[in-house]
Amino acid sequence: MRIRTFSLVCGLALLAGCSTHNESSDFTASGYLADHGAVRIWRKNYGETVHMLTVYTPFSDSGVVETYYTWQRNHLMSVERHMKGSQPDDVTLRFDSGGKLSFMQRQLAGHREPLRNDEVALYQFDAQRMLQISDALLDGRVVLHQGRWQSDNKVIDCHDQYVDPSFDEHALRAVQQIQGTDHTPVSVAWLQAAQGTQLLLVSTRDLCMAEPKEPSF
């Protein structure tokens, strides 16, 4: 998974501009368009701990990558990545407060293997980059919403509220393309910010079923 740089995230059309970090809810959801896919981010801040889940979904809607991160006092404590699909690949890394690796495991189909030092370093680098991206999106007040598409071009969101995302014609065509002529049920994810709304993801999977809930996150 390739992650766009911090500067590109700051340049997203939806962002009102990168600003100083504002106070935000302890549990937040955001996201952005990456190369060949969409990234959704859920984050919870509690005390000096930050817990974050990123879900990268290719536009092909297969090979989804879920990654869980935990930081304590600004130190990366753990990374758990789960690559789904025909070639599953699970990675777990844990670090002590000094940044030293304390546990490492990579589970491939049918066997385990260690990670090289440069691979571990790349996971650490990507974790910090994702934290910066999350900060930038929160500063820009870019908020992720998800829900089930309705026949009147509106949505019942994951909180069972009837909402109108006000998608443009391009977004509506994208939804209709995934629905097909048989009007297959679809879920949508979109971003809202001061400058408008952007469709992020259309899926035949029920996105609400897998959406993290604050009490268990």
N, C-alpha and C. Protein backbone atom coordinates (compact mmCIF):
# COMPACT_ATOMS: atom_id res chain seq x y z
N MET A 1 0.85 -1.20 0.00
CA MET A 1 0.00 0.00 0.00
C MET A 1 0.88 1.24 0.00
N ARG A 2 0.67 2.10 -0.98
CA ARG A 2 1.42 3.35 -1.03
C ARG A 2 0.59 4.44 -0.37
N ILE A 3 1.22 5.23 0.45
CA ILE A 3 0.53 6.28 1.17
C ILE A 3 0.99 7.63 0.64
N ARG A 4 0.03 8.48 0.30
CA ARG A 4 0.40 9.81 -0.18
C ARG A 4 1.07 10.60 0.94
N THR A 5 1.91 11.51 0.54
CA THR A 5 2.69 12.26 1.51
C THR A 5 1.83 13.25 2.27
N PHE A 6 2.35 13.71 3.38
CA PHE A 6 1.66 14.67 4.24
C PHE A 6 1.27 15.92 3.46
N SER A 7 2.16 16.40 2.61
CA SER A 7 1.88 17.63 1.87
C SER A 7 0.72 17.43 0.91
N LEU A 8 0.60 16.26 0.30
CA LEU A 8 -0.51 16.02 -0.60
C LEU A 8 -1.82 15.94 0.15
N VAL A 9 -1.80 15.35 1.33
CA VAL A 9 -3.01 15.30 2.13
C VAL A 9 -3.46 16.71 2.47
N CYS A 10 -2.51 17.57 2.81
CA CYS A 10 -2.86 18.96 3.12
C CYS A 10 -3.46 19.65 1.90
N GLY A 11 -3.14 19.13 0.70
CA GLY A 11 -3.66 19.75 -0.50
C GLY A 11 -4.95 19.16 -1.01
N LEU A 12 -5.56 18.25 -0.29
CA LEU A 12 -6.84 17.69 -0.70
C LEU A 12 -7.85 18.81 -0.94
N ALA A 13 -8.63 18.65 -1.96
CA ALA A 13 -9.58 19.71 -2.30
C ALA A 13 -10.57 20.00 -1.18
N LEU A 14 -10.83 19.00 -0.35
CA LEU A 14 -11.81 19.19 0.70
C LEU A 14 -11.27 19.96 1.89
N LEU A 15 -9.98 19.98 2.04
CA LEU A 15 -9.43 20.61 3.23
C LEU A 15 -9.56 22.12 3.16
N ALA A 16 -9.90 22.69 4.28
CA ALA A 16 -9.95 24.14 4.35
C ALA A 16 -8.56 24.72 4.46
N GLY A 17 -7.58 23.83 4.59
CA GLY A 17 -6.18 24.25 4.72
C GLY A 17 -5.62 23.66 5.99
N CYS A 18 -4.33 23.32 5.98
CA CYS A 18 -3.70 22.78 7.18
C CYS A 18 -3.58 23.89 8.20
N SER A 19 -4.04 23.62 9.41
CA SER A 19 -4.05 24.63 10.45
C SER A 19 -3.42 24.06 11.69
N THR A 20 -3.36 24.86 12.73
CA THR A 20 -2.88 24.34 13.98
C THR A 20 -3.88 23.35 14.51
N HIS A 21 -3.41 22.36 15.28
CA HIS A 21 -4.27 21.28 15.71
C HIS A 21 -5.35 21.79 16.65
N ASN A 22 -6.61 21.47 16.31
CA ASN A 22 -7.74 21.89 17.11
C ASN A 22 -8.19 20.77 18.02
N GLU A 23 -8.88 21.15 19.09
CA GLU A 23 -9.45 20.14 19.95
C GLU A 23 -10.50 19.36 19.16
N SER A 24 -10.55 18.05 19.34
CA SER A 24 -11.50 17.23 18.62
C SER A 24 -12.04 16.17 19.55
N SER A 25 -13.06 15.49 19.08
CA SER A 25 -13.65 14.42 19.86
C SER A 25 -12.62 13.33 20.12
N ASP A 26 -12.79 12.61 21.22
CA ASP A 26 -11.88 11.52 21.53
C ASP A 26 -11.96 10.40 20.50
N PHE A 27 -13.10 10.26 19.83
CA PHE A 27 -13.29 9.22 18.82
C PHE A 27 -13.67 9.88 17.51
N THR A 28 -12.84 9.72 16.49
CA THR A 28 -13.04 10.42 15.23
C THR A 28 -12.88 9.47 14.06
N ALA A 29 -13.44 9.87 12.92
CA ALA A 29 -13.31 9.10 11.69
C ALA A 29 -13.01 10.06 10.55
N SER A 30 -12.06 9.70 9.70
CA SER A 30 -11.70 10.52 8.57
C SER A 30 -11.20 9.62 7.45
N GLY A 31 -10.58 10.19 6.45
CA GLY A 31 -10.07 9.37 5.36
C GLY A 31 -9.57 10.22 4.21
N TYR A 32 -9.09 9.55 3.17
CA TYR A 32 -8.60 10.25 1.98
C TYR A 32 -8.45 9.26 0.84
N LEU A 33 -8.34 9.79 -0.36
CA LEU A 33 -8.09 8.97 -1.54
C LEU A 33 -6.60 8.73 -1.68
N ALA A 34 -6.23 7.45 -1.78
CA ALA A 34 -4.83 7.07 -1.98
C ALA A 34 -4.65 6.57 -3.41
N ASP A 35 -3.45 6.15 -3.73
CA ASP A 35 -3.21 5.57 -5.05
C ASP A 35 -3.99 4.27 -5.20
N HIS A 36 -4.88 4.22 -6.17
CA HIS A 36 -5.63 3.01 -6.52
C HIS A 36 -6.60 2.55 -5.43
N GLY A 37 -6.95 3.41 -4.51
CA GLY A 37 -7.87 2.98 -3.47
C GLY A 37 -8.23 4.10 -2.51
N ALA A 38 -8.99 3.73 -1.48
CA ALA A 38 -9.44 4.67 -0.47
C ALA A 38 -8.93 4.24 0.89
N VAL A 39 -8.61 5.22 1.73
CA VAL A 39 -8.16 4.96 3.09
C VAL A 39 -9.17 5.56 4.05
N ARG A 40 -9.69 4.74 4.95
CA ARG A 40 -10.56 5.23 6.02
C ARG A 40 -9.81 5.10 7.34
N ILE A 41 -9.96 6.09 8.20
CA ILE A 41 -9.19 6.15 9.45
C ILE A 41 -10.13 6.38 10.62
N TRP A 42 -10.06 5.50 11.59
CA TRP A 42 -10.75 5.71 12.87
C TRP A 42 -9.69 5.88 13.96
N ARG A 43 -9.93 6.82 14.83
CA ARG A 43 -8.91 7.16 15.84
C ARG A 43 -9.58 7.47 17.18
N LYS A 44 -8.95 7.01 18.23
CA LYS A 44 -9.43 7.30 19.58
C LYS A 44 -8.27 7.77 20.43
N ASN A 45 -8.42 8.94 21.03
CA ASN A 45 -7.43 9.49 21.96
C ASN A 45 -7.97 9.34 23.37
N TYR A 46 -7.18 8.74 24.23
CA TYR A 46 -7.60 8.65 25.64
C TYR A 46 -6.35 8.78 26.50
N GLY A 47 -6.35 9.86 27.31
CA GLY A 47 -5.16 10.14 28.10
C GLY A 47 -3.96 10.37 27.19
N GLU A 48 -2.90 9.66 27.46
CA GLU A 48 -1.68 9.78 26.65
C GLU A 48 -1.56 8.66 25.63
N THR A 49 -2.68 8.01 25.34
CA THR A 49 -2.70 6.89 24.41
C THR A 49 -3.51 7.26 23.17
N VAL A 50 -3.00 6.88 22.02
CA VAL A 50 -3.70 7.02 20.75
C VAL A 50 -3.83 5.64 20.13
N HIS A 51 -5.07 5.28 19.80
CA HIS A 51 -5.33 4.02 19.12
C HIS A 51 -5.93 4.36 17.76
N MET A 52 -5.43 3.74 16.70
CA MET A 52 -5.88 4.11 15.35
C MET A 52 -6.02 2.88 14.48
N LEU A 53 -7.08 2.86 13.69
CA LEU A 53 -7.31 1.82 12.69
C LEU A 53 -7.37 2.48 11.32
N THR A 54 -6.58 1.98 10.38
CA THR A 54 -6.68 2.42 8.99
C THR A 54 -7.13 1.23 8.15
N VAL A 55 -8.03 1.50 7.21
CA VAL A 55 -8.50 0.47 6.30
C VAL A 55 -8.28 0.96 4.88
N TYR A 56 -7.40 0.27 4.17
CA TYR A 56 -7.13 0.59 2.78
C TYR A 56 -7.93 -0.37 1.91
N THR A 57 -8.81 0.18 1.07
CA THR A 57 -9.64 -0.62 0.18
C THR A 57 -9.31 -0.27 -1.26
N PRO A 58 -8.72 -1.21 -2.01
CA PRO A 58 -8.47 -0.94 -3.43
C PRO A 58 -9.79 -0.69 -4.15
N PHE A 59 -9.74 0.04 -5.24
CA PHE A 59 -10.96 0.31 -6.00
C PHE A 59 -11.56 -0.97 -6.56
N SER A 60 -10.77 -2.04 -6.63
CA SER A 60 -11.30 -3.34 -7.04
C SER A 60 -12.12 -3.99 -5.92
N ASP A 61 -12.09 -3.40 -4.72
CA ASP A 61 -12.84 -3.88 -3.55
C ASP A 61 -12.36 -5.25 -3.09
N SER A 62 -11.11 -5.60 -3.38
CA SER A 62 -10.54 -6.85 -2.92
C SER A 62 -9.14 -6.57 -2.37
N GLY A 63 -8.61 -7.46 -1.53
CA GLY A 63 -7.30 -7.24 -0.96
C GLY A 63 -7.27 -6.11 0.04
N VAL A 64 -8.32 -6.01 0.86
CA VAL A 64 -8.40 -4.96 1.88
C VAL A 64 -7.29 -5.14 2.91
N VAL A 65 -6.70 -4.03 3.35
CA VAL A 65 -5.64 -4.05 4.35
C VAL A 65 -6.10 -3.26 5.57
N GLU A 66 -6.17 -3.93 6.71
CA GLU A 66 -6.51 -3.28 7.98
C GLU A 66 -5.25 -3.19 8.83
N THR A 67 -4.99 -2.02 9.38
CA THR A 67 -3.80 -1.83 10.22
C THR A 67 -4.20 -1.12 11.50
N TYR A 68 -3.82 -1.71 12.62
CA TYR A 68 -4.08 -1.13 13.94
C TYR A 68 -2.76 -0.59 14.51
N TYR A 69 -2.83 0.62 15.06
CA TYR A 69 -1.66 1.24 15.66
C TYR A 69 -1.99 1.67 17.09
N THR A 70 -0.98 1.63 17.96
CA THR A 70 -1.12 2.19 19.30
C THR A 70 0.13 2.99 19.64
N TRP A 71 -0.09 4.22 20.13
CA TRP A 71 0.98 5.06 20.63
C TRP A 71 0.70 5.39 22.10
N GLN A 72 1.75 5.44 22.89
CA GLN A 72 1.65 5.90 24.27
C GLN A 72 2.72 6.95 24.50
N ARG A 73 2.29 8.12 24.98
CA ARG A 73 3.21 9.24 25.21
C ARG A 73 4.07 9.50 23.98
N ASN A 74 3.41 9.48 22.82
CA ASN A 74 4.04 9.76 21.52
C ASN A 74 5.02 8.69 21.08
N HIS A 75 5.05 7.54 21.75
CA HIS A 75 5.91 6.43 21.35
C HIS A 75 5.06 5.34 20.70
N LEU A 76 5.47 4.88 19.53
CA LEU A 76 4.78 3.78 18.87
C LEU A 76 4.96 2.51 19.69
N MET A 77 3.84 1.89 20.08
CA MET A 77 3.89 0.69 20.91
C MET A 77 3.55 -0.58 20.13
N SER A 78 2.70 -0.48 19.11
CA SER A 78 2.32 -1.70 18.39
C SER A 78 1.79 -1.38 17.01
N VAL A 79 1.98 -2.34 16.11
CA VAL A 79 1.43 -2.31 14.76
C VAL A 79 0.89 -3.70 14.48
N GLU A 80 -0.35 -3.78 14.03
CA GLU A 80 -0.93 -5.05 13.60
C GLU A 80 -1.57 -4.82 12.23
N ARG A 81 -1.04 -5.50 11.23
CA ARG A 81 -1.56 -5.35 9.89
C ARG A 81 -2.14 -6.67 9.41
N HIS A 82 -3.34 -6.59 8.84
CA HIS A 82 -4.02 -7.78 8.33
C HIS A 82 -4.41 -7.54 6.87
N MET A 83 -3.74 -8.24 5.97
CA MET A 83 -4.04 -8.16 4.56
C MET A 83 -4.97 -9.32 4.21
N LYS A 84 -6.17 -8.99 3.75
CA LYS A 84 -7.17 -10.00 3.44
C LYS A 84 -7.15 -10.33 1.96
N GLY A 85 -7.87 -11.38 1.58
CA GLY A 85 -7.94 -11.75 0.19
C GLY A 85 -7.35 -13.12 -0.06
N SER A 86 -6.99 -13.37 -1.30
CA SER A 86 -6.49 -14.69 -1.69
C SER A 86 -5.11 -14.99 -1.15
N GLN A 87 -4.35 -13.96 -0.79
CA GLN A 87 -3.01 -14.14 -0.22
C GLN A 87 -2.91 -13.38 1.10
N PRO A 88 -3.51 -13.93 2.16
CA PRO A 88 -3.49 -13.24 3.44
C PRO A 88 -2.09 -13.10 4.01
N ASP A 89 -1.88 -11.99 4.70
CA ASP A 89 -0.55 -11.69 5.25
C ASP A 89 -0.79 -10.89 6.53
N ASP A 90 -0.46 -11.48 7.67
CA ASP A 90 -0.68 -10.83 8.96
C ASP A 90 0.66 -10.52 9.62
N VAL A 91 0.81 -9.29 10.08
CA VAL A 91 2.05 -8.84 10.72
C VAL A 91 1.71 -8.24 12.08
N THR A 92 2.46 -8.63 13.11
CA THR A 92 2.31 -8.05 14.44
C THR A 92 3.67 -7.60 14.95
N LEU A 93 3.76 -6.34 15.35
CA LEU A 93 4.99 -5.78 15.91
C LEU A 93 4.65 -5.09 17.22
N ARG A 94 5.49 -5.30 18.23
CA ARG A 94 5.32 -4.58 19.49
C ARG A 94 6.67 -4.00 19.89
N PHE A 95 6.61 -2.81 20.51
CA PHE A 95 7.82 -2.08 20.89
C PHE A 95 7.73 -1.68 22.35
N ASP A 96 8.92 -1.53 22.98
CA ASP A 96 8.93 -1.01 24.34
C ASP A 96 8.93 0.52 24.29
N SER A 97 8.90 1.16 25.44
CA SER A 97 8.80 2.62 25.50
C SER A 97 10.02 3.32 24.90
N GLY A 98 11.11 2.58 24.75
CA GLY A 98 12.30 3.15 24.14
C GLY A 98 12.38 2.92 22.65
N GLY A 99 11.34 2.29 22.07
CA GLY A 99 11.31 2.05 20.64
C GLY A 99 11.97 0.77 20.21
N LYS A 100 12.39 -0.05 21.18
CA LYS A 100 13.05 -1.30 20.84
C LYS A 100 12.00 -2.38 20.57
N LEU A 101 12.23 -3.16 19.53
CA LEU A 101 11.31 -4.23 19.16
C LEU A 101 11.29 -5.30 20.24
N SER A 102 10.08 -5.63 20.74
CA SER A 102 9.95 -6.63 21.79
C SER A 102 9.23 -7.89 21.32
N PHE A 103 8.48 -7.78 20.21
CA PHE A 103 7.78 -8.94 19.65
C PHE A 103 7.59 -8.73 18.17
N MET A 104 7.76 -9.80 17.40
CA MET A 104 7.61 -9.72 15.95
C MET A 104 7.05 -11.03 15.44
N GLN A 105 6.05 -10.94 14.57
CA GLN A 105 5.50 -12.15 13.96
C GLN A 105 4.87 -11.81 12.62
N ARG A 106 5.16 -12.63 11.63
CA ARG A 106 4.51 -12.51 10.32
C ARG A 106 3.93 -13.85 9.96
N GLN A 107 2.62 -13.88 9.72
CA GLN A 107 1.91 -15.10 9.40
C GLN A 107 1.44 -15.05 7.95
N LEU A 108 2.03 -15.90 7.14
CA LEU A 108 1.59 -16.03 5.76
C LEU A 108 0.74 -17.29 5.63
N ALA A 109 0.25 -17.55 4.45
CA ALA A 109 -0.59 -18.73 4.25
C ALA A 109 0.21 -20.00 4.56
N GLY A 110 -0.09 -20.62 5.69
CA GLY A 110 0.52 -21.91 6.02
C GLY A 110 1.85 -21.87 6.74
N HIS A 111 2.45 -20.71 6.91
CA HIS A 111 3.74 -20.67 7.60
C HIS A 111 4.00 -19.28 8.18
N ARG A 112 4.99 -19.23 9.07
CA ARG A 112 5.43 -17.97 9.65
C ARG A 112 6.85 -17.67 9.20
N GLU A 113 7.18 -16.38 9.19
CA GLU A 113 8.54 -16.01 8.86
C GLU A 113 8.86 -14.68 9.53
N PRO A 114 10.13 -14.45 9.87
CA PRO A 114 10.51 -13.18 10.53
C PRO A 114 10.56 -12.04 9.52
N LEU A 115 10.56 -10.83 10.04
CA LEU A 115 10.73 -9.65 9.20
C LEU A 115 12.17 -9.17 9.30
N ARG A 116 12.67 -8.62 8.21
CA ARG A 116 14.01 -8.04 8.22
C ARG A 116 13.98 -6.72 8.97
N ASN A 117 15.15 -6.28 9.40
CA ASN A 117 15.24 -5.02 10.14
C ASN A 117 14.73 -3.84 9.31
N ASP A 118 15.02 -3.84 8.01
CA ASP A 118 14.56 -2.73 7.18
C ASP A 118 13.04 -2.76 7.01
N GLU A 119 12.44 -3.94 7.06
CA GLU A 119 10.99 -4.02 6.99
C GLU A 119 10.35 -3.47 8.26
N VAL A 120 10.93 -3.79 9.40
CA VAL A 120 10.44 -3.26 10.67
C VAL A 120 10.54 -1.73 10.67
N ALA A 121 11.67 -1.22 10.20
CA ALA A 121 11.87 0.23 10.14
C ALA A 121 10.84 0.89 9.23
N LEU A 122 10.46 0.23 8.14
CA LEU A 122 9.46 0.78 7.23
C LEU A 122 8.09 0.83 7.90
N TYR A 123 7.75 -0.19 8.67
CA TYR A 123 6.48 -0.17 9.41
C TYR A 123 6.47 0.99 10.41
N GLN A 124 7.58 1.21 11.08
CA GLN A 124 7.66 2.32 12.03
C GLN A 124 7.51 3.66 11.31
N PHE A 125 8.17 3.80 10.18
CA PHE A 125 8.10 5.04 9.41
C PHE A 125 6.67 5.29 8.93
N ASP A 126 6.03 4.25 8.37
CA ASP A 126 4.66 4.41 7.87
C ASP A 126 3.69 4.72 9.00
N ALA A 127 3.92 4.16 10.19
CA ALA A 127 3.06 4.45 11.32
C ALA A 127 3.10 5.94 11.66
N GLN A 128 4.29 6.50 11.74
CA GLN A 128 4.40 7.92 12.06
C GLN A 128 3.83 8.79 10.95
N ARG A 129 3.99 8.36 9.72
CA ARG A 129 3.42 9.11 8.60
C ARG A 129 1.88 9.08 8.66
N MET A 130 1.31 7.92 9.01
CA MET A 130 -0.13 7.84 9.12
C MET A 130 -0.65 8.73 10.25
N LEU A 131 0.11 8.83 11.34
CA LEU A 131 -0.29 9.70 12.44
C LEU A 131 -0.29 11.16 11.98
N GLN A 132 0.71 11.55 11.20
CA GLN A 132 0.75 12.90 10.65
C GLN A 132 -0.42 13.17 9.71
N ILE A 133 -0.73 12.19 8.87
CA ILE A 133 -1.85 12.33 7.96
C ILE A 133 -3.15 12.50 8.74
N SER A 134 -3.33 11.67 9.77
CA SER A 134 -4.52 11.78 10.61
C SER A 134 -4.62 13.15 11.25
N ASP A 135 -3.50 13.66 11.77
CA ASP A 135 -3.49 15.00 12.36
C ASP A 135 -3.92 16.05 11.34
N ALA A 136 -3.41 15.94 10.11
CA ALA A 136 -3.73 16.92 9.07
C ALA A 136 -5.21 16.88 8.73
N LEU A 137 -5.78 15.69 8.63
CA LEU A 137 -7.19 15.56 8.30
C LEU A 137 -8.07 16.10 9.42
N LEU A 138 -7.68 15.86 10.66
CA LEU A 138 -8.44 16.39 11.79
C LEU A 138 -8.33 17.91 11.83
N ASP A 139 -7.15 18.44 11.55
CA ASP A 139 -6.97 19.89 11.50
C ASP A 139 -7.87 20.51 10.43
N GLY A 140 -8.01 19.81 9.29
CA GLY A 140 -8.86 20.30 8.22
C GLY A 140 -10.33 19.98 8.41
N ARG A 141 -10.65 19.33 9.54
CA ARG A 141 -12.04 18.96 9.86
C ARG A 141 -12.67 18.14 8.74
N VAL A 142 -11.91 17.18 8.24
CA VAL A 142 -12.39 16.25 7.22
C VAL A 142 -12.98 15.04 7.93
N VAL A 143 -14.28 14.85 7.80
CA VAL A 143 -15.00 13.85 8.58
C VAL A 143 -15.53 12.75 7.66
N LEU A 144 -15.33 11.51 8.07
CA LEU A 144 -15.81 10.35 7.32
C LEU A 144 -17.23 9.99 7.75
N HIS A 145 -18.07 9.71 6.75
CA HIS A 145 -19.41 9.19 7.00
C HIS A 145 -19.61 7.95 6.15
N GLN A 146 -20.46 7.03 6.61
CA GLN A 146 -20.76 5.82 5.87
C GLN A 146 -22.25 5.51 6.01
N GLY A 147 -22.78 4.79 5.03
CA GLY A 147 -24.17 4.40 5.12
C GLY A 147 -24.61 3.56 3.94
N ARG A 148 -25.89 3.19 3.95
CA ARG A 148 -26.49 2.34 2.93
C ARG A 148 -27.27 3.20 1.93
N TRP A 149 -26.94 3.03 0.67
CA TRP A 149 -27.53 3.84 -0.39
C TRP A 149 -29.00 3.51 -0.57
N GLN A 150 -29.82 4.55 -0.79
CA GLN A 150 -31.25 4.39 -0.99
C GLN A 150 -31.64 4.77 -2.42
N SER A 151 -32.81 4.35 -2.83
CA SER A 151 -33.24 4.53 -4.23
C SER A 151 -33.46 5.99 -4.60
N ASP A 152 -33.64 6.87 -3.61
CA ASP A 152 -33.86 8.28 -3.90
C ASP A 152 -32.56 9.09 -3.86
N ASN A 153 -31.43 8.39 -3.99
CA ASN A 153 -30.10 9.02 -3.99
C ASN A 153 -29.74 9.63 -2.64
N LYS A 154 -30.36 9.13 -1.59
CA LYS A 154 -29.99 9.52 -0.24
C LYS A 154 -29.46 8.30 0.50
N VAL A 155 -29.13 8.47 1.77
CA VAL A 155 -28.42 7.42 2.51
C VAL A 155 -29.03 7.26 3.89
N ILE A 156 -29.11 6.01 4.35
CA ILE A 156 -29.35 5.74 5.77
C ILE A 156 -27.98 5.45 6.37
N ASP A 157 -27.49 6.34 7.21
CA ASP A 157 -26.13 6.20 7.71
C ASP A 157 -26.04 5.09 8.77
N CYS A 158 -24.83 4.88 9.25
CA CYS A 158 -24.60 3.76 10.18
C CYS A 158 -25.21 4.00 11.55
N HIS A 159 -25.78 5.20 11.76
CA HIS A 159 -26.49 5.50 13.01
C HIS A 159 -28.01 5.51 12.77
N ASP A 160 -28.42 4.93 11.60
CA ASP A 160 -29.83 4.82 11.22
C ASP A 160 -30.50 6.18 11.02
N GLN A 161 -29.72 7.16 10.60
CA GLN A 161 -30.26 8.48 10.29
C GLN A 161 -30.36 8.64 8.77
N TYR A 162 -31.46 9.23 8.32
CA TYR A 162 -31.68 9.47 6.90
C TYR A 162 -30.98 10.78 6.52
N VAL A 163 -30.00 10.71 5.62
CA VAL A 163 -29.19 11.89 5.31
C VAL A 163 -29.06 12.05 3.80
N ASP A 164 -28.74 13.25 3.39
CA ASP A 164 -28.52 13.57 1.98
C ASP A 164 -27.10 14.09 1.82
N PRO A 165 -26.18 13.26 1.28
CA PRO A 165 -24.79 13.72 1.13
C PRO A 165 -24.60 14.75 0.03
N SER A 166 -25.63 14.98 -0.80
CA SER A 166 -25.54 15.98 -1.89
C SER A 166 -24.37 15.69 -2.82
N PHE A 167 -24.32 14.46 -3.32
CA PHE A 167 -23.27 14.09 -4.26
C PHE A 167 -23.47 14.79 -5.60
N ASP A 168 -22.36 15.07 -6.28
CA ASP A 168 -22.45 15.65 -7.61
C ASP A 168 -22.73 14.54 -8.63
N GLU A 169 -22.89 14.94 -9.89
CA GLU A 169 -23.25 13.99 -10.94
C GLU A 169 -22.19 12.90 -11.12
N HIS A 170 -20.94 13.28 -11.00
CA HIS A 170 -19.86 12.30 -11.14
C HIS A 170 -19.97 11.23 -10.07
N ALA A 171 -20.22 11.63 -8.82
CA ALA A 171 -20.35 10.66 -7.73
C ALA A 171 -21.58 9.78 -7.93
N LEU A 172 -22.68 10.38 -8.38
CA LEU A 172 -23.89 9.59 -8.61
C LEU A 172 -23.67 8.53 -9.69
N ARG A 173 -22.94 8.89 -10.73
CA ARG A 173 -22.63 7.91 -11.78
C ARG A 173 -21.77 6.78 -11.24
N ALA A 174 -20.84 7.11 -10.34
CA ALA A 174 -19.98 6.08 -9.75
C ALA A 174 -20.81 5.08 -8.93
N VAL A 175 -21.78 5.59 -8.19
CA VAL A 175 -22.66 4.70 -7.42
C VAL A 175 -23.48 3.83 -8.36
N GLN A 176 -24.05 4.44 -9.39
CA GLN A 176 -24.89 3.69 -10.33
C GLN A 176 -24.10 2.62 -11.07
N GLN A 177 -22.82 2.90 -11.33
CA GLN A 177 -21.99 1.93 -12.03
C GLN A 177 -21.79 0.68 -11.18
N ILE A 178 -21.58 0.85 -9.87
CA ILE A 178 -21.40 -0.30 -8.98
C ILE A 178 -22.73 -1.03 -8.77
N GLN A 179 -23.83 -0.29 -8.71
CA GLN A 179 -25.15 -0.91 -8.55
C GLN A 179 -25.49 -1.81 -9.73
N GLY A 180 -25.15 -1.35 -10.92
CA GLY A 180 -25.51 -2.10 -12.11
C GLY A 180 -26.99 -1.99 -12.43
N THR A 181 -27.41 -2.65 -13.49
CA THR A 181 -28.80 -2.58 -13.92
C THR A 181 -29.75 -3.31 -12.99
N ASP A 182 -29.21 -4.22 -12.17
CA ASP A 182 -30.07 -4.95 -11.24
C ASP A 182 -30.20 -4.25 -9.89
N HIS A 183 -29.60 -3.04 -9.78
CA HIS A 183 -29.69 -2.23 -8.57
C HIS A 183 -29.25 -3.01 -7.32
N THR A 184 -28.06 -3.58 -7.42
CA THR A 184 -27.45 -4.29 -6.29
C THR A 184 -27.33 -3.34 -5.09
N PRO A 185 -27.70 -3.79 -3.88
CA PRO A 185 -27.53 -2.93 -2.70
C PRO A 185 -26.07 -2.55 -2.50
N VAL A 186 -25.82 -1.28 -2.25
CA VAL A 186 -24.45 -0.82 -2.05
C VAL A 186 -24.38 0.08 -0.82
N SER A 187 -23.17 0.13 -0.27
CA SER A 187 -22.85 1.08 0.79
C SER A 187 -21.91 2.13 0.23
N VAL A 188 -21.94 3.31 0.83
CA VAL A 188 -21.06 4.38 0.39
C VAL A 188 -20.33 4.97 1.60
N ALA A 189 -19.13 5.44 1.35
CA ALA A 189 -18.37 6.21 2.34
C ALA A 189 -18.02 7.54 1.69
N TRP A 190 -18.18 8.62 2.45
CA TRP A 190 -17.86 9.93 1.89
C TRP A 190 -17.24 10.82 2.95
N LEU A 191 -16.59 11.88 2.47
CA LEU A 191 -15.93 12.84 3.34
C LEU A 191 -16.66 14.16 3.29
N GLN A 192 -16.78 14.80 4.42
CA GLN A 192 -17.36 16.14 4.49
C GLN A 192 -16.38 17.08 5.17
N ALA A 193 -16.26 18.25 4.61
CA ALA A 193 -15.40 19.30 5.17
C ALA A 193 -16.02 20.64 4.80
N ALA A 194 -15.35 21.71 5.20
CA ALA A 194 -15.91 23.05 5.00
C ALA A 194 -16.17 23.35 3.54
N GLN A 195 -15.36 22.78 2.65
CA GLN A 195 -15.48 23.12 1.24
C GLN A 195 -16.37 22.17 0.46
N GLY A 196 -16.98 21.20 1.13
CA GLY A 196 -17.91 20.35 0.40
C GLY A 196 -17.83 18.89 0.77
N THR A 197 -18.36 18.07 -0.15
CA THR A 197 -18.50 16.63 0.05
C THR A 197 -17.75 15.89 -1.05
N GLN A 198 -17.11 14.79 -0.69
CA GLN A 198 -16.39 13.99 -1.67
C GLN A 198 -16.70 12.52 -1.45
N LEU A 199 -17.18 11.84 -2.49
CA LEU A 199 -17.38 10.39 -2.43
C LEU A 199 -16.03 9.71 -2.29
N LEU A 200 -15.93 8.80 -1.33
CA LEU A 200 -14.67 8.12 -1.07
C LEU A 200 -14.69 6.68 -1.57
N LEU A 201 -15.81 5.98 -1.34
CA LEU A 201 -15.84 4.54 -1.61
C LEU A 201 -17.28 4.10 -1.85
N VAL A 202 -17.45 3.22 -2.84
CA VAL A 202 -18.73 2.55 -3.09
C VAL A 202 -18.45 1.05 -3.04
N SER A 203 -19.26 0.31 -2.29
CA SER A 203 -18.97 -1.11 -2.09
C SER A 203 -20.27 -1.90 -2.02
N THR A 204 -20.23 -3.11 -2.55
CA THR A 204 -21.36 -4.03 -2.39
C THR A 204 -21.36 -4.68 -1.02
N ARG A 205 -20.30 -4.45 -0.24
CA ARG A 205 -20.26 -4.92 1.14
C ARG A 205 -20.97 -3.91 2.03
N ASP A 206 -21.53 -4.40 3.12
CA ASP A 206 -22.20 -3.51 4.08
C ASP A 206 -21.13 -2.87 4.96
N LEU A 207 -20.78 -1.63 4.66
CA LEU A 207 -19.70 -0.97 5.39
C LEU A 207 -20.07 -0.74 6.86
N CYS A 208 -21.35 -0.58 7.14
CA CYS A 208 -21.76 -0.32 8.52
C CYS A 208 -21.51 -1.53 9.42
N MET A 209 -21.59 -2.73 8.86
CA MET A 209 -21.40 -3.93 9.67
C MET A 209 -20.00 -3.99 10.26
N ALA A 210 -19.02 -3.43 9.55
CA ALA A 210 -17.63 -3.49 10.00
C ALA A 210 -17.14 -2.18 10.58
N GLU A 211 -18.01 -1.18 10.71
CA GLU A 211 -17.58 0.11 11.24
C GLU A 211 -17.28 0.00 12.73
N PRO A 212 -16.11 0.45 13.17
CA PRO A 212 -15.78 0.39 14.60
C PRO A 212 -16.75 1.22 15.43
N LYS A 213 -17.04 0.75 16.63
CA LYS A 213 -17.88 1.48 17.57
C LYS A 213 -17.01 1.95 18.73
N GLU A 214 -17.26 3.17 19.19
CA GLU A 214 -16.41 3.78 20.22
C GLU A 214 -16.26 2.94 21.48
N PRO A 215 -17.32 2.35 22.03
CA PRO A 215 -17.14 1.62 23.31
C PRO A 215 -16.16 0.44 23.20
N SER A 216 -16.10 -0.20 22.03
CA SER A 216 -15.24 -1.38 21.90
C SER A 216 -13.94 -1.09 21.15
N PHE A 217 -13.73 0.17 20.79
CA PHE A 217 -12.54 0.51 20.00
C PHE A 217 -11.34 0.70 20.90
